[in-house]
Amino acid sequence: MFVDKAKIKVKAGDGGNGCCSFRREIYVPKGGPNGGDGGDGGDVIFETATGEQSLVDYVFQRHFPAEKGGNGKGKDMHGRNGKDLIIKVPLGTIVRDVNTGETIVDLDNPGMKYVIVTGGKGGKGNARFLSNFNRAPREHEPGKPGEEKEIELELKTIADAGLVGFPNAGKSTLLRAVSNAIPKVAPYPFTTLHPIVGVVDFPDFYRLKIADIPGLIDGAHMNIGLGHAFLRHIERTKILVYVLDMAGVDGRNPVDDFHTLQKELELYMKGLSKRKAIIVANKIDLPESKKNLAALKRKVKGYEIIPISAMEKKNTDTLVKSLREMLENK
């Protein structure tokens, strides 16, 4: 199950209480204070994990408390600090405060860590209050409470290239053809219901990440169809790959599809349609594609157009090489 939004509660550990205690020693009149301090509570820390691609773990578990600090004891024994709680989240997770709507942090770098709530400080034991004027202090402090927050997690897929196209344009088949991903492929719309990231490995160990984004339809910027569930995942891709069905299998016109895709991207986020892009003219193995390909080259200028057949893996090598060159020259 793919989940890209979740709400959870995080609670840092409370600080331990300070201790009030007195030692008893021979030849030491009235002994002396020896109550230890309480330990600090543990923090709650978010850390990005490259192996995670969903927030599904936070649907079934919603409360995340860190460990409390230990209480102080006599003989100047301090309580131990509570352990930090580290929560692993997918790369590209945005953390927001539910109550204020404020974005706290965007976890967009591998291995990134962020302390979301801080543990409470431990209280002082009575040994801390010893002075020339107070030889037998009984003062001691309780531990401070740890911070707590209700937060919203939102995942936005991070990939080098994002496949943009109408349902049945062949995006999933293309991703299968060029990468290690195995998305569902079927002859009906919306077979892909969530982003799937595939990795293309080159002989020189260069790696290229390509995301298959759910199919877009006219009106997606108004949340029609999969709407925003699609569009928010395209925001982070460095290159847009417009995948067009050149055979017009569903009675569509590839040129019109291209302009509609650009319009929907621009209406969703200003400037998104101007991002570096490449056009993939798919299904050139079908006879109807030749006429449409000629019309596309004639009417759409300023973009590299690569004719391919994802089903037959024809010219897909040219596509991945072009994507690499675009990334390296970005």
C-alpha atoms as a PDB file:
ATOM      1  CA  MET A   1       0.000   0.000   0.000  1.00  0.00           C
ATOM      2  CA  PHE A   2       1.346   3.417  -0.964  1.00  0.00           C
ATOM      3  CA  VAL A   3       0.663   6.314   1.421  1.00  0.00           C
ATOM      4  CA  ASP A   4       2.016   9.824   0.833  1.00  0.00           C
ATOM      5  CA  LYS A   5       0.264  11.671   3.680  1.00  0.00           C
ATOM      6  CA  ALA A   6       0.017  10.885   7.381  1.00  0.00           C
ATOM      7  CA  LYS A   7      -0.632  12.639  10.694  1.00  0.00           C
ATOM      8  CA  ILE A   8       1.226  11.566  13.821  1.00  0.00           C
ATOM      9  CA  LYS A   9       1.907  12.799  17.354  1.00  0.00           C
ATOM     10  CA  VAL A  10       5.467  13.008  18.649  1.00  0.00           C
ATOM     11  CA  LYS A  11       6.385  13.442  22.318  1.00  0.00           C
ATOM     12  CA  ALA A  12       9.900  14.026  23.606  1.00  0.00           C
ATOM     13  CA  GLY A  13      10.850  12.418  26.906  1.00  0.00           C
ATOM     14  CA  ASP A  14      10.238  14.231  30.174  1.00  0.00           C
ATOM     15  CA  GLY A  15      13.248  15.083  32.314  1.00  0.00           C
ATOM     16  CA  GLY A  16      13.863  13.024  35.445  1.00  0.00           C
ATOM     17  CA  ASN A  17      13.282  14.475  38.907  1.00  0.00           C
ATOM     18  CA  GLY A  18      16.122  15.674  41.090  1.00  0.00           C
ATOM     19  CA  CYS A  19      16.634  13.831  44.394  1.00  0.00           C
ATOM     20  CA  CYS A  20      16.651  15.152  47.971  1.00  0.00           C
ATOM     21  CA  SER A  21      19.046  13.064  50.034  1.00  0.00           C
ATOM     22  CA  PHE A  22      21.635  13.459  52.816  1.00  0.00           C
ATOM     23  CA  ARG A  23      24.701  11.392  53.461  1.00  0.00           C
ATOM     24  CA  ARG A  24      25.658  10.096  56.843  1.00  0.00           C
ATOM     25  CA  GLU A  25      29.382  10.022  57.609  1.00  0.00           C
ATOM     26  CA  ILE A  26      31.211   9.576  60.861  1.00  0.00           C
ATOM     27  CA  TYR A  27      32.953  12.729  62.061  1.00  0.00           C
ATOM     28  CA  VAL A  28      30.932  14.830  59.553  1.00  0.00           C
ATOM     29  CA  PRO A  29      28.434  16.870  61.570  1.00  0.00           C
ATOM     30  CA  LYS A  30      24.946  16.743  60.045  1.00  0.00           C
ATOM     31  CA  GLY A  31      26.346  14.918  57.001  1.00  0.00           C
ATOM     32  CA  GLY A  32      25.609  16.811  53.806  1.00  0.00           C
ATOM     33  CA  PRO A  33      23.274  16.891  50.762  1.00  0.00           C
ATOM     34  CA  ASN A  34      23.990  14.235  48.125  1.00  0.00           C
ATOM     35  CA  GLY A  35      20.856  14.109  45.988  1.00  0.00           C
ATOM     36  CA  GLY A  36      21.660  13.567  42.292  1.00  0.00           C
ATOM     37  CA  ASP A  37      20.191  15.323  39.255  1.00  0.00           C
ATOM     38  CA  GLY A  38      17.540  13.838  37.006  1.00  0.00           C
ATOM     39  CA  GLY A  39      18.489  12.805  33.474  1.00  0.00           C
ATOM     40  CA  ASP A  40      17.390  14.685  30.352  1.00  0.00           C
ATOM     41  CA  GLY A  41      14.532  13.276  28.298  1.00  0.00           C
ATOM     42  CA  GLY A  42      15.200  11.874  24.823  1.00  0.00           C
ATOM     43  CA  ASP A  43      14.601  13.879  21.625  1.00  0.00           C
ATOM     44  CA  VAL A  44      12.474  12.764  18.678  1.00  0.00           C
ATOM     45  CA  ILE A  45      14.542  12.894  15.490  1.00  0.00           C
ATOM     46  CA  PHE A  46      13.514  12.430  11.861  1.00  0.00           C
ATOM     47  CA  GLU A  47      16.047  10.802   9.547  1.00  0.00           C
ATOM     48  CA  THR A  48      15.735  10.213   5.814  1.00  0.00           C
ATOM     49  CA  ALA A  49      15.980   6.637   4.580  1.00  0.00           C
ATOM     50  CA  THR A  50      16.636   6.038   0.877  1.00  0.00           C
ATOM     51  CA  GLY A  51      15.085   2.560   1.014  1.00  0.00           C
ATOM     52  CA  GLU A  52      11.656   3.881   2.024  1.00  0.00           C
ATOM     53  CA  GLN A  53       9.125   5.022  -0.581  1.00  0.00           C
ATOM     54  CA  SER A  54       5.904   5.283   1.421  1.00  0.00           C
ATOM     55  CA  LEU A  55       4.524   6.622   4.705  1.00  0.00           C
ATOM     56  CA  VAL A  56       2.422   3.501   5.267  1.00  0.00           C
ATOM     57  CA  ASP A  57       4.157   2.745   8.598  1.00  0.00           C
ATOM     58  CA  TYR A  58       2.619   5.892  10.072  1.00  0.00           C
ATOM     59  CA  VAL A  59      -0.971   4.971   9.220  1.00  0.00           C
ATOM     60  CA  PHE A  60      -1.142   2.160  11.771  1.00  0.00           C
ATOM     61  CA  GLN A  61       1.111   3.715  14.420  1.00  0.00           C
ATOM     62  CA  ARG A  62       0.415   7.354  15.201  1.00  0.00           C
ATOM     63  CA  HIS A  63       2.020   8.000  18.606  1.00  0.00           C
ATOM     64  CA  PHE A  64       5.791   8.236  18.968  1.00  0.00           C
ATOM     65  CA  PRO A  65       7.112   8.951  22.498  1.00  0.00           C
ATOM     66  CA  ALA A  66      10.810   9.188  23.305  1.00  0.00           C
ATOM     67  CA  GLU A  67      12.221   7.761  26.527  1.00  0.00           C
ATOM     68  CA  LYS A  68      11.992   9.703  29.780  1.00  0.00           C
ATOM     69  CA  GLY A  69      15.058  10.701  31.764  1.00  0.00           C
ATOM     70  CA  GLY A  70      15.858   8.720  34.901  1.00  0.00           C
ATOM     71  CA  ASN A  71      15.302  10.186  38.370  1.00  0.00           C
ATOM     72  CA  GLY A  72      18.278  11.222  40.496  1.00  0.00           C
ATOM     73  CA  LYS A  73      19.240   9.147  43.538  1.00  0.00           C
ATOM     74  CA  GLY A  74      21.203   9.528  46.745  1.00  0.00           C
ATOM     75  CA  LYS A  75      24.997   9.256  46.937  1.00  0.00           C
ATOM     76  CA  ASP A  76      25.225  11.872  44.127  1.00  0.00           C
ATOM     77  CA  MET A  77      23.870   9.416  41.552  1.00  0.00           C
ATOM     78  CA  HIS A  78      22.407  11.199  38.560  1.00  0.00           C
ATOM     79  CA  GLY A  79      19.582   9.715  36.496  1.00  0.00           C
ATOM     80  CA  ARG A  80      20.539   8.545  33.015  1.00  0.00           C
ATOM     81  CA  ASN A  81      19.434  10.476  29.936  1.00  0.00           C
ATOM     82  CA  GLY A  82      16.516   9.074  27.964  1.00  0.00           C
ATOM     83  CA  LYS A  83      17.269   7.524  24.585  1.00  0.00           C
ATOM     84  CA  ASP A  84      16.487   9.560  21.480  1.00  0.00           C
ATOM     85  CA  LEU A  85      13.738   8.190  19.239  1.00  0.00           C
ATOM     86  CA  ILE A  86      14.797   8.148  15.564  1.00  0.00           C
ATOM     87  CA  ILE A  87      11.943   7.985  13.049  1.00  0.00           C
ATOM     88  CA  LYS A  88      12.906   6.906   9.522  1.00  0.00           C
ATOM     89  CA  VAL A  89      11.013   8.654   6.726  1.00  0.00           C
ATOM     90  CA  PRO A  90      11.344   8.514   2.932  1.00  0.00           C
ATOM     91  CA  LEU A  91      13.566  10.987   1.140  1.00  0.00           C
ATOM     92  CA  GLY A  92      11.427  13.967   0.086  1.00  0.00           C
ATOM     93  CA  THR A  93       9.176  14.078   3.178  1.00  0.00           C
ATOM     94  CA  ILE A  94       7.845  17.479   4.240  1.00  0.00           C
ATOM     95  CA  VAL A  95       7.045  17.934   7.939  1.00  0.00           C
ATOM     96  CA  ARG A  96       4.333  20.447   8.932  1.00  0.00           C
ATOM     97  CA  ASP A  97       2.847  21.564  12.242  1.00  0.00           C
ATOM     98  CA  VAL A  98      -0.854  20.581  12.176  1.00  0.00           C
ATOM     99  CA  ASN A  99      -1.943  23.425  14.462  1.00  0.00           C
ATOM    100  CA  THR A 100      -0.179  26.276  12.642  1.00  0.00           C
ATOM    101  CA  GLY A 101       0.181  24.828   9.132  1.00  0.00           C
ATOM    102  CA  GLU A 102       3.824  25.929   9.193  1.00  0.00           C
ATOM    103  CA  THR A 103       6.391  23.858   7.314  1.00  0.00           C
ATOM    104  CA  ILE A 104       8.963  22.772   9.891  1.00  0.00           C
ATOM    105  CA  VAL A 105      11.477  21.014   7.638  1.00  0.00           C
ATOM    106  CA  ASP A 106      11.830  19.586   4.152  1.00  0.00           C
ATOM    107  CA  LEU A 107      13.811  16.355   4.391  1.00  0.00           C
ATOM    108  CA  ASP A 108      15.197  16.348   0.869  1.00  0.00           C
ATOM    109  CA  ASN A 109      18.790  15.144   1.377  1.00  0.00           C
ATOM    110  CA  PRO A 110      20.022  11.572   1.935  1.00  0.00           C
ATOM    111  CA  GLY A 111      21.002  10.892   5.555  1.00  0.00           C
ATOM    112  CA  MET A 112      19.490  14.171   6.739  1.00  0.00           C
ATOM    113  CA  LYS A 113      18.511  14.383  10.432  1.00  0.00           C
ATOM    114  CA  TYR A 114      16.275  16.906  12.184  1.00  0.00           C
ATOM    115  CA  VAL A 115      15.261  17.180  15.853  1.00  0.00           C
ATOM    116  CA  ILE A 116      11.507  17.714  15.724  1.00  0.00           C
ATOM    117  CA  VAL A 117      10.869  17.936  19.507  1.00  0.00           C
ATOM    118  CA  THR A 118      13.414  18.313  22.323  1.00  0.00           C
ATOM    119  CA  GLY A 119      13.450  16.345  25.547  1.00  0.00           C
ATOM    120  CA  GLY A 120      12.879  18.033  28.897  1.00  0.00           C
ATOM    121  CA  LYS A 121      15.823  18.941  31.113  1.00  0.00           C
ATOM    122  CA  GLY A 122      16.380  16.897  34.230  1.00  0.00           C
ATOM    123  CA  GLY A 123      15.708  18.553  37.594  1.00  0.00           C
ATOM    124  CA  LYS A 124      18.519  19.466  39.987  1.00  0.00           C
ATOM    125  CA  GLY A 125      19.128  17.417  43.115  1.00  0.00           C
ATOM    126  CA  ASN A 126      19.496  19.101  46.488  1.00  0.00           C
ATOM    127  CA  ALA A 127      23.293  18.816  46.313  1.00  0.00           C
ATOM    128  CA  ARG A 128      23.146  21.638  43.747  1.00  0.00           C
ATOM    129  CA  PHE A 129      21.677  24.038  46.295  1.00  0.00           C
ATOM    130  CA  LEU A 130      24.472  23.712  48.874  1.00  0.00           C
ATOM    131  CA  SER A 131      25.937  27.071  49.913  1.00  0.00           C
ATOM    132  CA  ASN A 132      27.642  28.771  52.854  1.00  0.00           C
ATOM    133  CA  PHE A 133      24.257  30.069  53.915  1.00  0.00           C
ATOM    134  CA  ASN A 134      22.354  26.825  53.400  1.00  0.00           C
ATOM    135  CA  ARG A 135      24.320  23.832  54.637  1.00  0.00           C
ATOM    136  CA  ALA A 136      21.396  21.417  54.572  1.00  0.00           C
ATOM    137  CA  PRO A 137      19.227  22.339  51.551  1.00  0.00           C
ATOM    138  CA  ARG A 138      16.052  20.420  50.941  1.00  0.00           C
ATOM    139  CA  GLU A 139      15.284  22.123  47.635  1.00  0.00           C
ATOM    140  CA  HIS A 140      15.203  19.892  44.567  1.00  0.00           C
ATOM    141  CA  GLU A 141      13.608  20.306  41.161  1.00  0.00           C
ATOM    142  CA  PRO A 142      11.166  18.196  39.180  1.00  0.00           C
ATOM    143  CA  GLY A 143      12.092  17.365  35.589  1.00  0.00           C
ATOM    144  CA  LYS A 144      10.855  19.594  32.776  1.00  0.00           C
ATOM    145  CA  PRO A 145       8.256  18.125  30.426  1.00  0.00           C
ATOM    146  CA  GLY A 146       9.373  17.211  26.909  1.00  0.00           C
ATOM    147  CA  GLU A 147       7.967  19.016  23.894  1.00  0.00           C
ATOM    148  CA  GLU A 148       5.114  17.441  21.963  1.00  0.00           C
ATOM    149  CA  LYS A 149       3.560  18.206  18.592  1.00  0.00           C
ATOM    150  CA  GLU A 150       0.961  16.923  16.202  1.00  0.00           C
ATOM    151  CA  ILE A 151       2.537  16.921  12.769  1.00  0.00           C
ATOM    152  CA  GLU A 152       1.608  16.105   9.204  1.00  0.00           C
ATOM    153  CA  LEU A 153       3.970  14.210   6.938  1.00  0.00           C
ATOM    154  CA  GLU A 154       3.696  14.686   3.178  1.00  0.00           C
ATOM    155  CA  LEU A 155       5.833  12.765   0.725  1.00  0.00           C
ATOM    156  CA  LYS A 156       6.846  14.304  -2.593  1.00  0.00           C
ATOM    157  CA  THR A 157       8.773  11.889  -4.768  1.00  0.00           C
ATOM    158  CA  ILE A 158      12.337  12.873  -5.632  1.00  0.00           C
ATOM    159  CA  ALA A 159      13.591  11.669  -9.017  1.00  0.00           C
ATOM    160  CA  ASP A 160      15.867  12.885 -11.796  1.00  0.00           C
ATOM    161  CA  ALA A 161      13.137  12.556 -14.413  1.00  0.00           C
ATOM    162  CA  GLY A 162       9.361  12.275 -14.181  1.00  0.00           C
ATOM    163  CA  LEU A 163       7.198  10.615 -16.825  1.00  0.00           C
ATOM    164  CA  VAL A 164       4.204  12.843 -17.605  1.00  0.00           C
ATOM    165  CA  GLY A 165       1.391  11.674 -19.827  1.00  0.00           C
ATOM    166  CA  PHE A 166      -2.243  10.754 -20.239  1.00  0.00           C
ATOM    167  CA  PRO A 167      -3.521   7.337 -19.130  1.00  0.00           C
ATOM    168  CA  ASN A 168      -2.497   4.553 -21.540  1.00  0.00           C
ATOM    169  CA  ALA A 169       0.327   6.616 -23.040  1.00  0.00           C
ATOM    170  CA  GLY A 170       2.773   3.825 -22.124  1.00  0.00           C
ATOM    171  CA  LYS A 171       4.588   5.336 -19.137  1.00  0.00           C
ATOM    172  CA  SER A 172       4.633   2.108 -17.107  1.00  0.00           C
ATOM    173  CA  THR A 173       5.780   0.074 -20.104  1.00  0.00           C
ATOM    174  CA  LEU A 174       8.545   2.603 -20.712  1.00  0.00           C
ATOM    175  CA  LEU A 175       9.709   2.437 -17.094  1.00  0.00           C
ATOM    176  CA  ARG A 176       9.836  -1.360 -17.316  1.00  0.00           C
ATOM    177  CA  ALA A 177      11.860  -1.117 -20.519  1.00  0.00           C
ATOM    178  CA  VAL A 178      14.599   1.173 -19.209  1.00  0.00           C
ATOM    179  CA  SER A 179      14.879   0.456 -15.461  1.00  0.00           C
ATOM    180  CA  ASN A 180      14.694  -2.164 -12.736  1.00  0.00           C
ATOM    181  CA  ALA A 181      11.130  -1.210 -11.755  1.00  0.00           C
ATOM    182  CA  ILE A 182       8.176  -3.519 -12.400  1.00  0.00           C
ATOM    183  CA  PRO A 183       5.054  -1.325 -12.476  1.00  0.00           C
ATOM    184  CA  LYS A 184       1.644  -2.763 -13.324  1.00  0.00           C
ATOM    185  CA  VAL A 185       0.830  -2.695 -17.057  1.00  0.00           C
ATOM    186  CA  ALA A 186      -2.718  -3.210 -18.357  1.00  0.00           C
ATOM    187  CA  PRO A 187      -4.904  -1.972 -21.273  1.00  0.00           C
ATOM    188  CA  TYR A 188      -7.092   0.332 -19.167  1.00  0.00           C
ATOM    189  CA  PRO A 189      -6.628   3.786 -17.606  1.00  0.00           C
ATOM    190  CA  PHE A 190      -5.033   4.471 -14.213  1.00  0.00           C
ATOM    191  CA  THR A 191      -3.207   1.181 -13.789  1.00  0.00           C
ATOM    192  CA  THR A 192      -0.605   3.224 -11.894  1.00  0.00           C
ATOM    193  CA  LEU A 193      -2.200   4.744  -8.795  1.00  0.00           C
ATOM    194  CA  HIS A 194       0.947   6.017  -7.094  1.00  0.00           C
ATOM    195  CA  PRO A 195       4.457   7.111  -8.153  1.00  0.00           C
ATOM    196  CA  ILE A 196       6.913   4.315  -8.869  1.00  0.00           C
ATOM    197  CA  VAL A 197      10.631   5.089  -9.056  1.00  0.00           C
ATOM    198  CA  GLY A 198      12.931   3.010 -11.244  1.00  0.00           C
ATOM    199  CA  VAL A 199      16.723   3.171 -11.366  1.00  0.00           C
ATOM    200  CA  VAL A 200      18.725   3.072 -14.601  1.00  0.00           C
ATOM    201  CA  ASP A 201      22.282   1.796 -14.041  1.00  0.00           C
ATOM    202  CA  PHE A 202      25.003   2.739 -16.537  1.00  0.00           C
ATOM    203  CA  PRO A 203      28.218   0.700 -17.081  1.00  0.00           C
ATOM    204  CA  ASP A 204      30.291   3.465 -15.437  1.00  0.00           C
ATOM    205  CA  PHE A 205      28.103   3.225 -12.262  1.00  0.00           C
ATOM    206  CA  TYR A 206      26.167   6.406 -13.019  1.00  0.00           C
ATOM    207  CA  ARG A 207      22.592   6.088 -11.760  1.00  0.00           C
ATOM    208  CA  LEU A 208      19.487   7.768 -13.109  1.00  0.00           C
ATOM    209  CA  LYS A 209      16.181   7.745 -11.202  1.00  0.00           C
ATOM    210  CA  ILE A 210      12.976   7.894 -13.257  1.00  0.00           C
ATOM    211  CA  ALA A 211       9.524   8.247 -11.694  1.00  0.00           C
ATOM    212  CA  ASP A 212       6.359   6.896 -13.300  1.00  0.00           C
ATOM    213  CA  ILE A 213       3.711   9.356 -12.139  1.00  0.00           C
ATOM    214  CA  PRO A 214      -0.021   8.428 -12.264  1.00  0.00           C
ATOM    215  CA  GLY A 215      -1.773   9.431 -15.490  1.00  0.00           C
ATOM    216  CA  LEU A 216      -2.874  13.024 -15.870  1.00  0.00           C
ATOM    217  CA  ILE A 217      -6.201  14.162 -17.327  1.00  0.00           C
ATOM    218  CA  ASP A 218      -7.705  17.489 -18.335  1.00  0.00           C
ATOM    219  CA  GLY A 219      -8.669  19.402 -15.179  1.00  0.00           C
ATOM    220  CA  ALA A 220      -6.096  17.714 -12.900  1.00  0.00           C
ATOM    221  CA  HIS A 221      -5.072  21.102 -11.450  1.00  0.00           C
ATOM    222  CA  MET A 222      -8.613  21.287  -9.983  1.00  0.00           C
ATOM    223  CA  ASN A 223      -8.096  17.834  -8.431  1.00  0.00           C
ATOM    224  CA  ILE A 224     -10.089  16.023 -11.118  1.00  0.00           C
ATOM    225  CA  GLY A 225      -9.108  12.392 -11.620  1.00  0.00           C
ATOM    226  CA  LEU A 226      -6.031  11.660  -9.523  1.00  0.00           C
ATOM    227  CA  GLY A 227      -5.430  15.413  -9.514  1.00  0.00           C
ATOM    228  CA  HIS A 228      -3.128  16.632  -6.783  1.00  0.00           C
ATOM    229  CA  ALA A 229      -2.161  13.062  -5.904  1.00  0.00           C
ATOM    230  CA  PHE A 230      -0.278  13.191  -9.219  1.00  0.00           C
ATOM    231  CA  LEU A 231       0.814  16.782  -9.405  1.00  0.00           C
ATOM    232  CA  ARG A 232       2.587  17.179  -6.072  1.00  0.00           C
ATOM    233  CA  HIS A 233       4.966  14.358  -7.009  1.00  0.00           C
ATOM    234  CA  ILE A 234       6.088  16.057 -10.218  1.00  0.00           C
ATOM    235  CA  GLU A 235       7.260  19.199  -8.380  1.00  0.00           C
ATOM    236  CA  ARG A 236      10.664  17.782  -7.410  1.00  0.00           C
ATOM    237  CA  THR A 237      11.673  16.105 -10.677  1.00  0.00           C
ATOM    238  CA  LYS A 238      14.578  17.796 -12.426  1.00  0.00           C
ATOM    239  CA  ILE A 239      13.443  16.896 -15.956  1.00  0.00           C
ATOM    240  CA  LEU A 240       9.940  16.367 -17.324  1.00  0.00           C
ATOM    241  CA  VAL A 241       9.490  13.566 -19.840  1.00  0.00           C
ATOM    242  CA  TYR A 242       6.278  14.048 -21.838  1.00  0.00           C
ATOM    243  CA  VAL A 243       5.174  10.586 -22.963  1.00  0.00           C
ATOM    244  CA  LEU A 244       2.764  10.870 -25.912  1.00  0.00           C
ATOM    245  CA  ASP A 245       0.735   8.125 -27.563  1.00  0.00           C
ATOM    246  CA  MET A 246       1.608   8.711 -31.218  1.00  0.00           C
ATOM    247  CA  ALA A 247      -0.892   6.114 -32.452  1.00  0.00           C
ATOM    248  CA  GLY A 248      -3.826   7.883 -30.805  1.00  0.00           C
ATOM    249  CA  VAL A 249      -5.170   4.555 -29.570  1.00  0.00           C
ATOM    250  CA  ASP A 250      -7.842   6.247 -27.422  1.00  0.00           C
ATOM    251  CA  GLY A 251      -8.804   8.641 -30.230  1.00  0.00           C
ATOM    252  CA  ARG A 252      -6.515  11.375 -28.901  1.00  0.00           C
ATOM    253  CA  ASN A 253      -4.334  13.823 -30.800  1.00  0.00           C
ATOM    254  CA  PRO A 254      -0.683  13.827 -29.579  1.00  0.00           C
ATOM    255  CA  VAL A 255      -0.196  17.561 -30.259  1.00  0.00           C
ATOM    256  CA  ASP A 256      -3.319  18.435 -28.265  1.00  0.00           C
ATOM    257  CA  ASP A 257      -2.201  16.094 -25.487  1.00  0.00           C
ATOM    258  CA  PHE A 258       1.136  17.857 -25.209  1.00  0.00           C
ATOM    259  CA  HIS A 259      -0.445  21.312 -24.927  1.00  0.00           C
ATOM    260  CA  THR A 260      -3.000  20.051 -22.383  1.00  0.00           C
ATOM    261  CA  LEU A 261      -0.275  18.528 -20.243  1.00  0.00           C
ATOM    262  CA  GLN A 262       1.663  21.782 -20.264  1.00  0.00           C
ATOM    263  CA  LYS A 263      -1.466  23.760 -19.379  1.00  0.00           C
ATOM    264  CA  GLU A 264      -2.294  21.528 -16.410  1.00  0.00           C
ATOM    265  CA  LEU A 265       1.257  21.737 -15.059  1.00  0.00           C
ATOM    266  CA  GLU A 266       1.314  25.522 -15.348  1.00  0.00           C
ATOM    267  CA  LEU A 267      -2.101  25.949 -13.723  1.00  0.00           C
ATOM    268  CA  TYR A 268      -1.018  23.787 -10.801  1.00  0.00           C
ATOM    269  CA  MET A 269       2.311  25.559 -10.196  1.00  0.00           C
ATOM    270  CA  LYS A 270       3.519  28.598 -12.072  1.00  0.00           C
ATOM    271  CA  GLY A 271       6.706  27.902 -14.025  1.00  0.00           C
ATOM    272  CA  LEU A 272       6.386  24.107 -13.844  1.00  0.00           C
ATOM    273  CA  SER A 273       5.691  23.778 -17.565  1.00  0.00           C
ATOM    274  CA  LYS A 274       8.893  25.740 -18.296  1.00  0.00           C
ATOM    275  CA  ARG A 275      11.071  23.152 -16.597  1.00  0.00           C
ATOM    276  CA  LYS A 276      13.662  21.351 -18.709  1.00  0.00           C
ATOM    277  CA  ALA A 277      11.859  18.677 -20.701  1.00  0.00           C
ATOM    278  CA  ILE A 278      12.041  16.092 -23.429  1.00  0.00           C
ATOM    279  CA  ILE A 279       9.250  14.595 -25.552  1.00  0.00           C
ATOM    280  CA  VAL A 280       8.944  10.840 -25.982  1.00  0.00           C
ATOM    281  CA  ALA A 281       6.901   9.888 -29.049  1.00  0.00           C
ATOM    282  CA  ASN A 282       5.790   6.416 -27.979  1.00  0.00           C
ATOM    283  CA  LYS A 283       4.178   3.527 -29.922  1.00  0.00           C
ATOM    284  CA  ILE A 284       5.971   4.247 -33.196  1.00  0.00           C
ATOM    285  CA  ASP A 285       5.666   0.537 -33.982  1.00  0.00           C
ATOM    286  CA  LEU A 286       1.972   1.133 -34.831  1.00  0.00           C
ATOM    287  CA  PRO A 287       1.163   2.297 -38.386  1.00  0.00           C
ATOM    288  CA  GLU A 288      -0.957   5.278 -37.301  1.00  0.00           C
ATOM    289  CA  SER A 289       2.028   6.885 -35.568  1.00  0.00           C
ATOM    290  CA  LYS A 290       3.948   8.094 -38.661  1.00  0.00           C
ATOM    291  CA  LYS A 291       1.467  10.772 -39.632  1.00  0.00           C
ATOM    292  CA  ASN A 292       1.077  11.998 -36.034  1.00  0.00           C
ATOM    293  CA  LEU A 293       4.858  12.075 -35.515  1.00  0.00           C
ATOM    294  CA  ALA A 294       5.323  14.293 -38.569  1.00  0.00           C
ATOM    295  CA  ALA A 295       2.593  16.659 -37.288  1.00  0.00           C
ATOM    296  CA  LEU A 296       4.201  16.779 -33.832  1.00  0.00           C
ATOM    297  CA  LYS A 297       7.620  17.723 -35.239  1.00  0.00           C
ATOM    298  CA  ARG A 298       6.008  20.373 -37.395  1.00  0.00           C
ATOM    299  CA  LYS A 299       3.877  22.011 -34.676  1.00  0.00           C
ATOM    300  CA  VAL A 300       5.980  21.639 -31.507  1.00  0.00           C
ATOM    301  CA  LYS A 301       9.334  23.426 -31.511  1.00  0.00           C
ATOM    302  CA  GLY A 302      12.082  23.850 -28.931  1.00  0.00           C
ATOM    303  CA  TYR A 303      12.011  20.307 -27.551  1.00  0.00           C
ATOM    304  CA  GLU A 304      14.010  17.220 -28.368  1.00  0.00           C
ATOM    305  CA  ILE A 305      11.573  14.612 -29.697  1.00  0.00           C
ATOM    306  CA  ILE A 306      12.648  10.973 -29.409  1.00  0.00           C
ATOM    307  CA  PRO A 307      10.497   8.394 -31.232  1.00  0.00           C
ATOM    308  CA  ILE A 308      10.435   5.079 -29.349  1.00  0.00           C
ATOM    309  CA  SER A 309       8.522   1.868 -28.928  1.00  0.00           C
ATOM    310  CA  ALA A 310       8.464   1.057 -25.233  1.00  0.00           C
ATOM    311  CA  MET A 311       6.808  -2.298 -25.940  1.00  0.00           C
ATOM    312  CA  GLU A 312       9.604  -3.373 -28.300  1.00  0.00           C
ATOM    313  CA  LYS A 313      12.332  -1.419 -26.415  1.00  0.00           C
ATOM    314  CA  LYS A 314      13.119   0.361 -29.667  1.00  0.00           C
ATOM    315  CA  ASN A 315      15.297   3.487 -29.284  1.00  0.00           C
ATOM    316  CA  THR A 316      15.012   3.461 -25.468  1.00  0.00           C
ATOM    317  CA  ASP A 317      18.825   3.556 -25.195  1.00  0.00           C
ATOM    318  CA  THR A 318      18.817   6.893 -27.000  1.00  0.00           C
ATOM    319  CA  LEU A 319      16.293   8.209 -24.511  1.00  0.00           C
ATOM    320  CA  VAL A 320      18.285   7.332 -21.367  1.00  0.00           C
ATOM    321  CA  LYS A 321      21.483   8.716 -22.924  1.00  0.00           C
ATOM    322  CA  SER A 322      19.713  11.996 -23.707  1.00  0.00           C
ATOM    323  CA  LEU A 323      18.358  12.202 -20.160  1.00  0.00           C
ATOM    324  CA  ARG A 324      21.835  11.696 -18.733  1.00  0.00           C
ATOM    325  CA  GLU A 325      23.293  14.404 -20.960  1.00  0.00           C
ATOM    326  CA  MET A 326      20.541  16.821 -19.903  1.00  0.00           C
ATOM    327  CA  LEU A 327      21.191  16.136 -16.219  1.00  0.00           C
ATOM    328  CA  GLU A 328      24.937  16.510 -16.545  1.00  0.00           C
ATOM    329  CA  ASN A 329      24.539  19.800 -18.437  1.00  0.00           C
ATOM    330  CA  LYS A 330      21.821  21.136 -16.153  1.00  0.00           C
END
